[in-house]
N, C-alpha and C. Protein backbone atom coordinates (compact mmCIF):
# COMPACT_ATOMS: atom_id res chain seq x y z
N ARG A 1 20.94 10.29 8.84
CA ARG A 1 21.33 9.72 7.71
C ARG A 1 22.62 8.88 8.09
N GLY A 2 23.76 9.49 7.76
CA GLY A 2 25.51 9.20 8.44
C GLY A 2 25.17 7.30 8.04
N PRO A 3 24.58 6.78 9.32
CA PRO A 3 24.97 5.11 8.74
C PRO A 3 24.21 4.21 8.58
N VAL A 4 23.25 5.01 8.23
CA VAL A 4 22.41 4.20 7.06
C VAL A 4 22.77 4.04 5.56
N ALA A 5 23.73 4.54 5.52
CA ALA A 5 23.85 5.37 4.39
C ALA A 5 23.90 6.34 3.54
N ALA A 6 22.08 5.72 2.95
CA ALA A 6 21.89 6.23 1.37
C ALA A 6 19.81 6.01 2.19
N LEU A 7 19.57 7.16 1.05
CA LEU A 7 18.09 7.28 0.73
C LEU A 7 18.47 7.05 -1.09
N ARG A 8 17.59 5.46 -1.20
CA ARG A 8 17.47 5.39 -3.20
C ARG A 8 17.20 6.83 -3.98
N GLY A 9 17.81 7.20 -4.53
CA GLY A 9 17.42 8.36 -5.17
C GLY A 9 15.82 7.63 -6.53
N ASP A 10 16.22 6.76 -6.88
CA ASP A 10 15.19 6.49 -8.16
C ASP A 10 13.88 6.29 -7.50
N ASP A 11 13.52 5.77 -5.87
CA ASP A 11 12.85 5.71 -5.54
C ASP A 11 12.37 6.36 -3.93
N GLY A 12 13.03 6.83 -3.44
CA GLY A 12 13.15 7.16 -2.07
C GLY A 12 13.09 5.96 -0.88
N ARG A 13 13.01 4.86 -1.58
CA ARG A 13 13.63 3.87 -0.08
C ARG A 13 14.59 3.51 0.16
N LEU A 14 14.45 3.45 1.60
CA LEU A 14 15.56 3.43 2.35
C LEU A 14 17.09 2.39 2.29
N ALA A 15 18.12 2.94 1.81
CA ALA A 15 19.04 1.23 1.68
C ALA A 15 20.03 1.95 2.87
N LEU A 16 19.95 0.82 3.64
CA LEU A 16 20.73 0.90 5.20
C LEU A 16 22.33 -0.42 3.89
N GLY A 17 23.26 0.54 5.09
CA GLY A 17 24.46 0.61 4.72
C GLY A 17 25.31 -0.58 4.80
N THR A 18 25.94 -1.09 4.09
CA THR A 18 26.81 -2.48 4.91
C THR A 18 28.06 -1.82 5.48
N GLY A 19 28.06 -2.46 6.70
CA GLY A 19 29.47 -2.46 7.28
C GLY A 19 28.79 -1.60 8.33
N ALA A 20 28.03 -1.06 8.00
CA ALA A 20 27.27 -0.30 8.97
C ALA A 20 26.60 -0.26 10.68
N GLY A 21 25.93 -2.22 10.46
CA GLY A 21 25.97 -2.56 11.23
C GLY A 21 24.28 -2.16 11.69
N LEU A 22 23.35 -1.44 10.73
CA LEU A 22 22.42 -1.91 11.45
C LEU A 22 21.37 -2.85 10.35
N ASP A 23 20.81 -3.77 10.11
CA ASP A 23 19.83 -4.83 10.25
C ASP A 23 18.84 -4.50 9.44
N ASP A 24 17.73 -3.64 10.43
CA ASP A 24 16.28 -3.81 9.81
C ASP A 24 15.83 -2.39 10.29
N LEU A 25 15.08 -1.67 9.59
CA LEU A 25 13.71 -0.41 10.47
C LEU A 25 12.82 -1.19 10.07
N GLN A 26 11.87 -1.50 10.92
CA GLN A 26 10.75 -2.09 10.66
C GLN A 26 9.87 -0.77 11.41
N MET A 27 8.60 -1.29 10.92
CA MET A 27 7.56 -0.61 11.61
C MET A 27 6.10 -1.53 12.25
N ARG A 28 6.02 -1.47 13.28
CA ARG A 28 5.61 -2.33 13.85
C ARG A 28 4.22 -2.26 14.64
N THR A 29 2.94 -2.81 15.19
CA THR A 29 1.77 -2.30 15.32
C THR A 29 1.98 -2.85 16.81
N ALA A 30 0.35 -2.44 17.52
CA ALA A 30 0.40 -2.37 18.74
C ALA A 30 0.46 -4.11 19.51
N THR A 31 0.05 -5.29 18.60
CA THR A 31 0.00 -6.54 18.88
C THR A 31 0.99 -6.93 18.06
N ASP A 32 2.16 -6.27 17.94
CA ASP A 32 3.99 -6.51 17.66
C ASP A 32 3.44 -7.52 15.45
N GLY A 33 2.65 -6.68 14.87
CA GLY A 33 2.49 -7.17 13.51
C GLY A 33 3.14 -6.42 13.19
N ARG A 34 3.51 -6.35 11.48
CA ARG A 34 3.57 -5.80 10.18
C ARG A 34 2.80 -5.43 9.61
N PRO A 35 2.39 -4.21 9.65
CA PRO A 35 1.54 -3.65 8.71
C PRO A 35 1.73 -3.80 7.17
N ASN A 36 1.05 -4.22 5.97
CA ASN A 36 1.30 -4.12 4.91
C ASN A 36 1.47 -2.41 3.82
N LEU A 37 2.40 -1.83 4.01
CA LEU A 37 2.74 -0.39 3.75
C LEU A 37 3.88 -0.78 2.68
N VAL A 38 4.23 0.62 2.36
CA VAL A 38 5.43 1.14 1.41
C VAL A 38 5.73 2.64 1.83
N CYS A 39 6.86 2.51 2.35
CA CYS A 39 7.33 3.76 2.59
C CYS A 39 8.31 4.57 1.84
N THR A 40 8.04 6.05 1.69
CA THR A 40 8.97 6.81 0.56
C THR A 40 9.90 7.98 1.37
N TYR A 41 10.71 7.67 1.30
CA TYR A 41 11.55 9.10 2.20
C TYR A 41 12.28 9.95 1.43
N ASP A 42 12.35 11.37 1.76
CA ASP A 42 12.08 12.68 1.59
C ASP A 42 13.52 13.04 0.99
N ALA A 43 14.42 12.73 0.49
CA ALA A 43 15.70 12.69 0.48
C ALA A 43 16.36 14.39 1.16
N ASP A 44 15.43 15.16 0.50
CA ASP A 44 16.04 16.72 0.89
C ASP A 44 15.48 17.51 1.96
N ALA A 45 14.56 16.80 2.71
CA ALA A 45 14.22 17.47 3.74
C ALA A 45 14.71 16.27 5.23
N SER A 46 15.40 14.95 4.68
CA SER A 46 16.16 14.78 6.07
C SER A 46 17.26 14.98 6.18
N THR A 47 17.50 14.43 7.65
CA THR A 47 18.87 15.09 8.00
C THR A 47 19.85 13.28 8.45
N ASP A 48 21.07 13.45 9.05
CA ASP A 48 21.70 12.66 9.45
C ASP A 48 20.77 12.39 10.46
N ASP A 49 19.76 13.05 11.59
CA ASP A 49 19.85 12.63 12.92
C ASP A 49 17.90 12.74 12.50
N ALA A 50 17.68 12.52 11.56
CA ALA A 50 16.41 12.43 11.39
C ALA A 50 15.71 11.80 9.29
N LEU A 51 14.72 11.53 9.64
CA LEU A 51 14.55 10.83 8.42
C LEU A 51 12.47 11.31 8.57
N THR A 52 12.46 12.04 7.04
CA THR A 52 11.71 12.56 6.52
C THR A 52 10.30 11.98 5.83
N GLY A 53 9.80 11.09 5.49
CA GLY A 53 9.15 10.98 4.16
C GLY A 53 7.37 10.88 4.92
N THR A 54 7.33 9.88 3.90
CA THR A 54 5.17 9.31 3.51
C THR A 54 5.21 7.74 3.75
N ILE A 55 4.39 7.45 4.61
CA ILE A 55 4.14 5.81 4.77
C ILE A 55 2.89 5.27 4.20
N TYR A 56 2.59 4.74 2.94
CA TYR A 56 1.07 3.81 2.73
C TYR A 56 0.66 2.66 3.16
N PHE A 57 0.03 2.91 3.55
CA PHE A 57 -0.65 1.77 4.27
C PHE A 57 -2.20 1.10 3.46
N ASP A 58 -2.14 -0.16 3.30
CA ASP A 58 -3.07 -0.13 2.35
C ASP A 58 -4.31 -0.59 3.32
N ALA A 59 -6.02 -1.36 2.54
CA ALA A 59 -6.74 -0.76 3.24
C ALA A 59 -7.38 -1.89 4.36
N ARG A 60 -6.77 -2.95 4.40
CA ARG A 60 -6.52 -4.27 5.12
C ARG A 60 -5.77 -4.22 5.98
N SER A 61 -5.00 -2.90 6.43
CA SER A 61 -3.59 -2.24 7.56
C SER A 61 -4.53 -1.26 8.14
N THR A 62 -5.69 -0.80 8.06
CA THR A 62 -6.62 0.16 8.86
C THR A 62 -6.22 -0.33 9.90
N ASP A 63 -7.61 -1.94 10.14
CA ASP A 63 -7.52 -0.97 11.49
C ASP A 63 -6.25 -1.66 12.38
N GLU A 64 -5.12 -2.41 12.00
CA GLU A 64 -3.89 -2.07 13.12
C GLU A 64 -3.40 -0.69 13.05
N VAL A 65 -3.03 -0.18 12.43
CA VAL A 65 -3.10 1.33 12.26
C VAL A 65 -3.07 2.36 13.06
N VAL A 66 -4.75 2.38 13.23
CA VAL A 66 -5.53 3.27 14.10
C VAL A 66 -5.25 2.34 15.77
N GLY A 67 -4.36 0.90 16.18
CA GLY A 67 -4.87 0.74 17.35
C GLY A 67 -2.87 1.22 18.00
N GLY A 68 -2.14 2.16 17.44
CA GLY A 68 -0.84 2.43 17.51
C GLY A 68 0.48 1.82 16.20
N LEU A 69 1.49 2.90 16.35
CA LEU A 69 2.52 2.10 15.38
C LEU A 69 3.58 2.42 16.50
N SER A 70 4.92 1.38 16.45
CA SER A 70 6.23 1.39 16.31
C SER A 70 7.43 1.33 15.72
N TRP A 71 8.44 1.84 16.19
CA TRP A 71 9.19 1.92 15.28
C TRP A 71 10.55 1.18 15.77
N GLN A 72 11.12 0.16 15.23
CA GLN A 72 11.92 -0.99 15.73
C GLN A 72 13.46 -1.04 14.90
N LEU A 73 14.56 -1.09 15.62
CA LEU A 73 15.51 -1.15 14.88
C LEU A 73 16.31 -1.89 15.16
N LEU A 74 16.85 -2.81 14.57
CA LEU A 74 17.20 -4.20 14.63
C LEU A 74 18.97 -3.65 14.22
N TRP A 75 20.25 -4.32 14.79
CA TRP A 75 21.41 -4.04 14.47
C TRP A 75 22.36 -5.63 15.06
N HIS A 76 23.66 -4.87 14.88
CA HIS A 76 24.51 -6.28 15.03
C HIS A 76 26.21 -5.46 15.52
N ASP A 77 26.20 -5.93 16.32
CA ASP A 77 28.21 -5.47 16.73
C ASP A 77 29.25 -6.38 16.39
N GLU A 78 29.73 -5.99 15.32
CA GLU A 78 30.47 -7.21 14.83
C GLU A 78 31.80 -7.20 15.75
N ASN A 79 32.26 -6.33 16.34
CA ASN A 79 32.90 -6.16 16.95
C ASN A 79 33.34 -6.95 18.39
N ALA A 80 31.98 -7.22 19.00
CA ALA A 80 31.56 -7.81 20.30
C ALA A 80 31.48 -9.00 19.80
N THR A 81 32.24 -9.05 21.58
CA THR A 81 32.77 -10.55 21.72
C THR A 81 31.64 -11.57 21.76
N GLY A 82 31.72 -12.51 20.64
CA GLY A 82 30.32 -13.47 19.99
C GLY A 82 29.44 -13.07 19.44
N GLY A 83 29.58 -11.45 18.66
CA GLY A 83 28.97 -11.10 17.76
C GLY A 83 27.75 -10.74 18.38
N GLY A 84 27.52 -9.54 18.88
CA GLY A 84 26.74 -9.03 20.14
C GLY A 84 25.47 -8.00 18.96
N SER A 85 24.19 -8.53 19.25
CA SER A 85 23.56 -7.97 18.14
C SER A 85 22.10 -6.92 19.70
N GLY A 86 21.09 -6.04 19.14
CA GLY A 86 20.56 -5.37 19.81
C GLY A 86 19.27 -5.06 18.66
N THR A 87 18.12 -4.61 19.86
CA THR A 87 17.27 -3.95 18.97
C THR A 87 16.43 -2.90 19.98
N ALA A 88 15.74 -1.85 19.76
CA ALA A 88 15.32 -0.55 19.96
C ALA A 88 13.87 -0.91 19.39
N SER A 89 12.91 -0.50 20.63
CA SER A 89 11.60 0.29 19.82
C SER A 89 11.62 1.31 20.47
N THR A 90 10.57 2.40 19.40
CA THR A 90 10.13 3.55 20.62
C THR A 90 8.89 3.20 20.69
N GLU A 91 8.76 3.87 21.37
CA GLU A 91 7.19 4.26 22.63
C GLU A 91 5.90 4.18 20.94
N LEU A 92 4.93 3.34 21.69
CA LEU A 92 3.94 3.15 20.80
C LEU A 92 3.21 4.66 20.24
N VAL A 93 3.08 4.80 19.03
CA VAL A 93 2.47 6.19 18.82
C VAL A 93 0.71 5.91 18.00
N VAL A 94 0.00 6.45 18.78
CA VAL A 94 -1.46 6.12 18.25
C VAL A 94 -1.85 7.37 17.31
N PRO A 95 -2.34 7.31 15.81
CA PRO A 95 -3.02 8.39 14.62
C PRO A 95 -3.39 9.55 16.13
N SER A 96 -3.87 10.86 15.95
CA SER A 96 -4.36 11.59 16.40
C SER A 96 -5.77 11.97 15.70
N LYS A 97 -5.39 11.67 14.09
CA LYS A 97 -6.30 12.09 13.01
C LYS A 97 -6.27 10.87 11.97
N VAL A 98 -8.19 10.79 11.52
CA VAL A 98 -7.85 9.10 10.63
C VAL A 98 -8.57 9.86 9.51
N LEU A 99 -8.63 9.71 8.63
CA LEU A 99 -8.76 10.19 6.95
C LEU A 99 -10.13 8.96 6.93
N GLY A 100 -11.42 9.12 6.81
CA GLY A 100 -12.04 8.13 6.86
C GLY A 100 -11.93 7.46 4.91
N ALA A 101 -12.18 6.55 4.70
CA ALA A 101 -12.99 6.01 3.43
C ALA A 101 -14.01 6.53 3.14
N ARG A 102 -14.41 6.11 2.27
CA ARG A 102 -15.81 5.66 0.92
C ARG A 102 -16.38 4.15 0.87
N HIS A 103 -17.21 3.58 1.07
CA HIS A 103 -17.63 2.04 0.19
C HIS A 103 -18.53 2.29 -0.90
N PHE A 104 -17.61 1.79 -2.15
CA PHE A 104 -18.71 1.77 -3.20
C PHE A 104 -19.03 -0.10 -3.49
N THR A 105 -19.93 0.12 -4.51
CA THR A 105 -20.51 -1.26 -4.84
C THR A 105 -20.57 -1.51 -6.01
N ASP A 106 -20.80 -3.12 -6.99
CA ASP A 106 -21.52 -3.14 -8.09
C ASP A 106 -23.02 -3.07 -7.99
N GLY A 107 -23.57 -3.40 -7.01
CA GLY A 107 -24.69 -3.60 -6.92
C GLY A 107 -24.89 -4.98 -6.59
N ASP A 108 -23.94 -5.82 -6.79
CA ASP A 108 -23.67 -7.25 -6.34
C ASP A 108 -23.05 -7.61 -5.04
N ALA A 109 -21.86 -8.79 -5.78
CA ALA A 109 -21.60 -9.12 -4.58
C ALA A 109 -19.39 -8.36 -4.86
N ALA A 110 -19.35 -7.48 -6.14
CA ALA A 110 -18.02 -6.96 -5.48
C ALA A 110 -18.25 -5.60 -4.96
N THR A 111 -16.81 -5.02 -4.41
CA THR A 111 -16.88 -3.48 -3.62
C THR A 111 -15.88 -3.17 -3.60
N ALA A 112 -15.81 -1.77 -3.63
CA ALA A 112 -14.48 -1.01 -3.45
C ALA A 112 -14.53 -0.35 -1.94
N THR A 113 -12.97 -0.38 -1.12
CA THR A 113 -13.11 0.24 -0.48
C THR A 113 -11.62 1.62 -0.70
N LEU A 114 -12.19 2.99 -0.66
CA LEU A 114 -11.38 4.37 -1.13
C LEU A 114 -11.12 4.70 0.41
N GLY A 115 -9.60 4.95 0.25
CA GLY A 115 -9.57 6.19 1.00
C GLY A 115 -8.19 7.50 0.10
N PRO A 116 -7.74 7.98 1.22
CA PRO A 116 -7.66 9.30 0.46
C PRO A 116 -6.31 9.27 -0.63
N LEU A 117 -5.50 7.79 0.63
CA LEU A 117 -4.32 7.51 -0.84
C LEU A 117 -4.58 6.19 -1.16
N GLY A 118 -4.92 5.06 -0.87
CA GLY A 118 -5.46 3.85 -0.89
C GLY A 118 -6.74 3.67 -1.61
N LEU A 119 -6.96 1.96 -2.46
CA LEU A 119 -7.74 2.05 -3.10
C LEU A 119 -7.80 0.24 -2.63
N ALA A 120 -9.20 -1.03 -2.32
CA ALA A 120 -9.15 -1.85 -2.66
C ALA A 120 -9.92 -2.49 -3.02
N LEU A 121 -10.39 -3.61 -4.18
CA LEU A 121 -11.02 -4.06 -4.84
C LEU A 121 -11.26 -5.36 -4.32
N SER A 122 -12.54 -5.76 -4.11
CA SER A 122 -12.99 -6.96 -4.16
C SER A 122 -14.17 -7.52 -5.19
N THR A 123 -13.79 -8.41 -6.15
CA THR A 123 -14.54 -9.03 -6.50
C THR A 123 -15.35 -9.98 -6.09
N SER A 124 -16.19 -10.70 -7.25
CA SER A 124 -16.77 -12.12 -7.06
C SER A 124 -16.09 -13.18 -7.43
N VAL A 125 -14.76 -13.05 -7.89
CA VAL A 125 -13.80 -14.31 -8.69
C VAL A 125 -13.66 -14.61 -7.61
N ASP A 126 -13.03 -16.11 -7.64
CA ASP A 126 -12.05 -16.86 -6.82
C ASP A 126 -11.83 -17.75 -7.33
N THR A 127 -10.84 -18.88 -6.84
CA THR A 127 -9.41 -19.48 -7.39
C THR A 127 -11.26 -20.52 -7.84
N GLU A 128 -11.84 -21.08 -7.67
CA GLU A 128 -12.85 -22.02 -8.10
C GLU A 128 -13.42 -21.43 -10.06
N SER A 129 -13.37 -19.94 -9.80
CA SER A 129 -14.48 -19.36 -11.15
C SER A 129 -13.38 -19.06 -12.13
N GLY A 130 -12.05 -19.48 -11.48
CA GLY A 130 -10.58 -18.82 -12.56
C GLY A 130 -10.06 -17.70 -11.96
N GLN A 131 -9.34 -17.00 -12.72
CA GLN A 131 -8.26 -15.85 -12.96
C GLN A 131 -9.17 -14.99 -12.89
N PHE A 132 -8.11 -13.95 -12.41
CA PHE A 132 -9.28 -12.41 -13.07
C PHE A 132 -7.50 -11.71 -13.16
N VAL A 133 -7.60 -10.85 -14.06
CA VAL A 133 -6.51 -10.23 -13.94
C VAL A 133 -6.48 -8.74 -14.05
N ASP A 134 -6.73 -7.66 -13.90
CA ASP A 134 -6.99 -6.13 -13.79
C ASP A 134 -5.97 -5.34 -14.99
N ASP A 135 -6.67 -4.69 -15.59
CA ASP A 135 -6.14 -3.91 -16.15
C ASP A 135 -5.69 -3.04 -16.70
N LEU A 136 -7.34 -2.16 -16.15
CA LEU A 136 -7.03 -1.04 -15.98
C LEU A 136 -8.23 -0.40 -15.13
N VAL A 137 -8.07 0.06 -13.93
CA VAL A 137 -9.12 1.02 -13.08
C VAL A 137 -8.44 2.23 -12.85
N THR A 138 -9.68 2.58 -12.93
CA THR A 138 -9.97 4.49 -12.86
C THR A 138 -10.94 4.71 -11.98
N LEU A 139 -10.65 5.52 -11.45
CA LEU A 139 -11.20 6.61 -10.87
C LEU A 139 -11.96 7.69 -11.55
N HIS A 140 -13.77 7.74 -11.51
CA HIS A 140 -13.95 8.77 -11.84
C HIS A 140 -15.20 9.71 -11.68
N LEU A 141 -14.30 11.63 -11.05
CA LEU A 141 -14.28 12.76 -10.14
C LEU A 141 -15.33 13.29 -10.51
N ALA A 142 -16.26 13.86 -9.45
CA ALA A 142 -17.42 14.71 -10.22
C ALA A 142 -17.40 15.55 -11.34
N ASP A 143 -15.64 16.39 -11.10
CA ASP A 143 -15.95 17.36 -11.87
C ASP A 143 -15.32 17.04 -13.02
N GLY A 144 -15.62 15.80 -13.84
CA GLY A 144 -15.67 15.07 -15.27
C GLY A 144 -14.51 14.58 -15.38
N THR A 145 -13.18 15.22 -14.48
CA THR A 145 -11.87 14.28 -15.20
C THR A 145 -12.24 13.10 -14.37
N ASP A 146 -10.72 11.86 -14.90
CA ASP A 146 -10.56 10.35 -14.17
C ASP A 146 -8.82 10.52 -13.98
N MET A 147 -9.28 9.64 -13.00
CA MET A 147 -7.42 9.22 -12.37
C MET A 147 -7.17 7.72 -12.59
N VAL A 148 -6.48 7.23 -13.35
CA VAL A 148 -6.08 5.89 -13.74
C VAL A 148 -5.27 5.51 -12.62
N VAL A 149 -5.47 4.79 -11.44
CA VAL A 149 -4.71 3.99 -10.69
C VAL A 149 -4.27 2.83 -11.22
N PHE A 150 -4.27 2.67 -12.02
CA PHE A 150 -3.50 1.64 -12.45
C PHE A 150 -3.85 0.78 -14.06
N ASP A 151 -2.93 0.66 -15.21
CA ASP A 151 -3.07 0.39 -16.39
C ASP A 151 -1.75 -0.49 -16.34
N ALA A 152 -2.37 -1.73 -16.98
CA ALA A 152 -1.27 -2.87 -16.93
C ALA A 152 -0.48 -2.15 -18.25
N SER A 153 -1.06 -1.57 -19.08
CA SER A 153 -0.33 -1.14 -20.39
C SER A 153 0.54 -0.37 -20.42
N ASP A 154 0.68 0.29 -18.86
CA ASP A 154 1.64 1.12 -18.90
C ASP A 154 2.99 0.07 -18.07
N PRO A 155 4.48 0.81 -18.24
CA PRO A 155 5.25 -0.14 -17.47
C PRO A 155 5.54 0.41 -16.41
N SER A 156 5.34 1.18 -16.27
CA SER A 156 5.63 2.08 -14.01
C SER A 156 3.94 1.02 -13.58
N ALA A 157 3.23 0.60 -14.10
CA ALA A 157 2.46 0.32 -13.51
C ALA A 157 2.33 -0.13 -12.59
N GLY A 158 3.04 -1.28 -12.17
CA GLY A 158 3.67 -1.66 -10.81
C GLY A 158 3.76 -1.49 -9.58
N SER A 159 3.94 -0.03 -9.82
CA SER A 159 4.59 0.66 -8.57
C SER A 159 3.35 0.82 -7.91
N SER A 160 1.86 1.11 -8.23
CA SER A 160 1.08 0.90 -8.21
C SER A 160 0.50 -0.51 -6.88
N LEU A 161 0.72 -1.37 -7.33
CA LEU A 161 -0.14 -2.52 -7.35
C LEU A 161 0.67 -2.67 -5.60
N MET A 162 -0.08 -3.00 -4.66
CA MET A 162 0.77 -3.08 -3.34
C MET A 162 0.48 -4.91 -3.04
N GLN A 163 -0.76 -4.87 -3.23
CA GLN A 163 -0.57 -6.72 -2.61
C GLN A 163 -2.39 -7.24 -3.74
N SER A 164 -1.97 -8.27 -3.75
CA SER A 164 -3.33 -9.28 -5.07
C SER A 164 -3.08 -10.38 -3.95
N ALA A 165 -4.59 -10.36 -3.86
CA ALA A 165 -4.81 -12.35 -3.04
C ALA A 165 -5.94 -12.13 -4.12
N ARG A 166 -5.59 -13.01 -5.43
CA ARG A 166 -6.70 -13.17 -6.06
C ARG A 166 -7.68 -14.67 -5.27
N THR A 167 -7.09 -15.15 -4.70
CA THR A 167 -8.26 -16.37 -3.91
C THR A 167 -9.30 -15.78 -3.98
N ASP A 168 -9.57 -14.72 -3.24
CA ASP A 168 -10.43 -14.03 -2.36
C ASP A 168 -11.05 -13.28 -3.44
N GLY A 169 -10.30 -12.91 -4.79
CA GLY A 169 -10.48 -12.03 -5.53
C GLY A 169 -10.17 -10.47 -5.14
N SER A 170 -9.35 -10.21 -4.09
CA SER A 170 -9.14 -8.68 -3.84
C SER A 170 -7.83 -8.60 -4.42
N THR A 171 -7.89 -6.74 -4.57
CA THR A 171 -6.55 -6.22 -5.01
C THR A 171 -6.25 -4.51 -4.10
N SER A 172 -5.44 -4.66 -4.05
CA SER A 172 -4.76 -3.28 -3.42
C SER A 172 -3.87 -2.72 -4.33
N TYR A 173 -4.19 -0.91 -3.92
CA TYR A 173 -3.89 -0.11 -4.73
C TYR A 173 -3.03 1.23 -4.17
N ALA A 174 -2.18 1.91 -4.01
CA ALA A 174 -1.46 2.38 -4.18
C ALA A 174 -2.19 4.23 -4.89
N LEU A 175 -3.02 4.91 -4.64
CA LEU A 175 -3.09 5.96 -5.30
C LEU A 175 -1.82 7.40 -6.20
N PRO A 176 -2.01 7.09 -7.45
CA PRO A 176 -0.44 8.01 -7.82
C PRO A 176 -1.07 9.48 -7.36
N GLU A 177 -1.66 9.69 -6.50
CA GLU A 177 -1.77 10.97 -5.87
C GLU A 177 -3.42 11.42 -4.87
N GLY A 178 -2.62 11.96 -3.96
CA GLY A 178 -3.80 11.88 -2.85
C GLY A 178 -5.38 12.33 -3.67
N VAL A 179 -6.54 11.96 -3.05
CA VAL A 179 -8.15 12.24 -3.75
C VAL A 179 -8.59 12.27 -2.94
N ASP A 180 -10.06 13.52 -2.87
CA ASP A 180 -10.77 13.53 -1.76
C ASP A 180 -11.36 12.75 -2.26
N VAL A 181 -12.09 11.41 -1.23
CA VAL A 181 -12.66 10.67 -1.44
C VAL A 181 -14.26 10.72 -2.01
N LEU A 182 -14.90 11.99 -1.41
CA LEU A 182 -16.36 12.30 -1.59
C LEU A 182 -16.51 13.08 -3.29
N SER A 183 -15.15 13.58 -3.61
CA SER A 183 -15.07 14.17 -5.20
C SER A 183 -15.26 13.11 -6.51
N VAL A 184 -15.18 11.20 -5.77
CA VAL A 184 -15.80 9.88 -6.50
C VAL A 184 -16.75 9.67 -6.55
N SER A 185 -17.10 10.19 -8.47
CA SER A 185 -18.64 9.51 -8.55
C SER A 185 -18.72 8.44 -8.51
N SER A 186 -17.89 7.48 -9.29
CA SER A 186 -17.88 6.21 -9.51
C SER A 186 -16.11 5.81 -9.69
N ILE A 187 -16.30 3.76 -9.87
CA ILE A 187 -15.05 3.66 -9.84
C ILE A 187 -14.97 2.28 -11.05
N THR A 188 -14.17 2.15 -11.91
CA THR A 188 -14.49 1.26 -12.72
C THR A 188 -12.86 0.10 -13.04
N LEU A 189 -13.15 -0.52 -13.14
CA LEU A 189 -12.29 -2.02 -13.49
C LEU A 189 -12.74 -2.50 -14.24
N GLU A 190 -11.38 -2.85 -15.20
CA GLU A 190 -11.82 -3.99 -16.24
C GLU A 190 -11.11 -4.43 -16.53
N GLY A 191 -10.50 -5.89 -17.31
CA GLY A 191 -10.22 -7.03 -16.91
C GLY A 191 -10.25 -8.56 -17.57
N ARG A 192 -9.77 -8.92 -17.09
CA ARG A 192 -10.13 -10.22 -18.04
C ARG A 192 -10.23 -11.82 -16.88
N GLN A 193 -11.37 -11.97 -17.19
CA GLN A 193 -11.53 -13.68 -15.85
C GLN A 193 -10.85 -14.77 -17.37
N LEU A 194 -10.19 -15.65 -16.93
CA LEU A 194 -9.24 -16.65 -17.07
C LEU A 194 -10.47 -18.18 -16.50
N SER A 195 -10.06 -19.03 -17.27
CA SER A 195 -10.60 -20.40 -16.57
C SER A 195 -10.29 -21.27 -17.33
N THR A 196 -10.58 -22.60 -17.51
CA THR A 196 -10.21 -23.67 -18.34
C THR A 196 -11.26 -23.33 -19.34
N SER A 197 -12.16 -22.36 -19.56
CA SER A 197 -12.93 -23.18 -20.95
C SER A 197 -12.38 -21.62 -21.80
N GLY A 198 -11.55 -20.84 -21.33
CA GLY A 198 -10.90 -19.75 -22.69
C GLY A 198 -10.46 -18.57 -21.32
N GLU A 199 -11.08 -16.94 -22.07
CA GLU A 199 -10.69 -15.76 -21.91
C GLU A 199 -11.83 -15.22 -21.97
N GLU A 200 -12.77 -14.12 -20.79
CA GLU A 200 -13.56 -13.82 -21.11
C GLU A 200 -13.16 -12.16 -20.47
N ALA A 201 -13.78 -10.68 -21.58
CA ALA A 201 -13.55 -9.60 -20.69
C ALA A 201 -14.83 -9.32 -19.88
N VAL A 202 -14.28 -9.00 -18.85
CA VAL A 202 -15.18 -8.04 -17.75
C VAL A 202 -15.04 -7.20 -17.49
N SER A 203 -15.94 -6.33 -17.53
CA SER A 203 -15.83 -5.05 -16.27
C SER A 203 -16.52 -4.72 -15.12
N TYR A 204 -16.19 -4.45 -14.35
CA TYR A 204 -17.40 -3.22 -12.98
C TYR A 204 -17.31 -2.53 -12.85
N THR A 205 -18.30 -1.95 -12.55
CA THR A 205 -18.23 -0.30 -12.39
C THR A 205 -19.14 -0.24 -10.43
N PHE A 206 -18.64 0.37 -10.02
CA PHE A 206 -18.79 0.81 -8.80
C PHE A 206 -19.06 2.04 -8.90
N THR A 207 -20.12 2.10 -7.45
CA THR A 207 -20.18 3.55 -6.88
C THR A 207 -20.82 3.34 -5.91
N PRO A 208 -21.42 4.82 -5.26
CA PRO A 208 -21.40 4.83 -3.46
C PRO A 208 -22.52 4.04 -3.24
N ALA A 209 -21.78 3.08 -1.82
CA ALA A 209 -23.04 2.79 -1.22
C ALA A 209 -23.37 3.55 -0.62
N ALA A 210 -24.59 2.87 -0.14
CA ALA A 210 -25.74 3.70 0.21
C ALA A 210 -25.70 3.68 1.89
């Protein structure tokens, strides 16, 4: 860790040290894109020379991830004549194993894609129909237990929301813990549809697609 300064203890995110000369640590895809992700590092398992942690990708970045990833480090040298800067990248690494996702549907236009670490929901609501606000997202497991993925009444709920693009009625969530996708019998989404004519409570129930 040394020049990287510290890993923030509250959320495990990487904090680059001031004056260290390090500007950014990025993950890049084979096409030089930047996948939608959240990195959480383990301070106890990390050393001065190595960072250990977990990277969470949302469902929309899956195709980019399987094509290969590399790390890119950007830095500058304040003592260099004219202010030097540089970039270094690792070799492209292609994942050796990919955990599959499972697809769910409400029987109409709404769909859900569930992976071991993330969930992507796509409803039939778009900007022309009004705005849809998620209130509660729950996984219902075959053993009768439930896993709450998102609860708007919970102050910490925002930590699970990765991306919201309500122009096409879609939202991505990071799961609070890993899940066996085959153990999930259904998914429910409870929310409100807002429009110029008022507000309406709406719920979706997603079951495994055939």
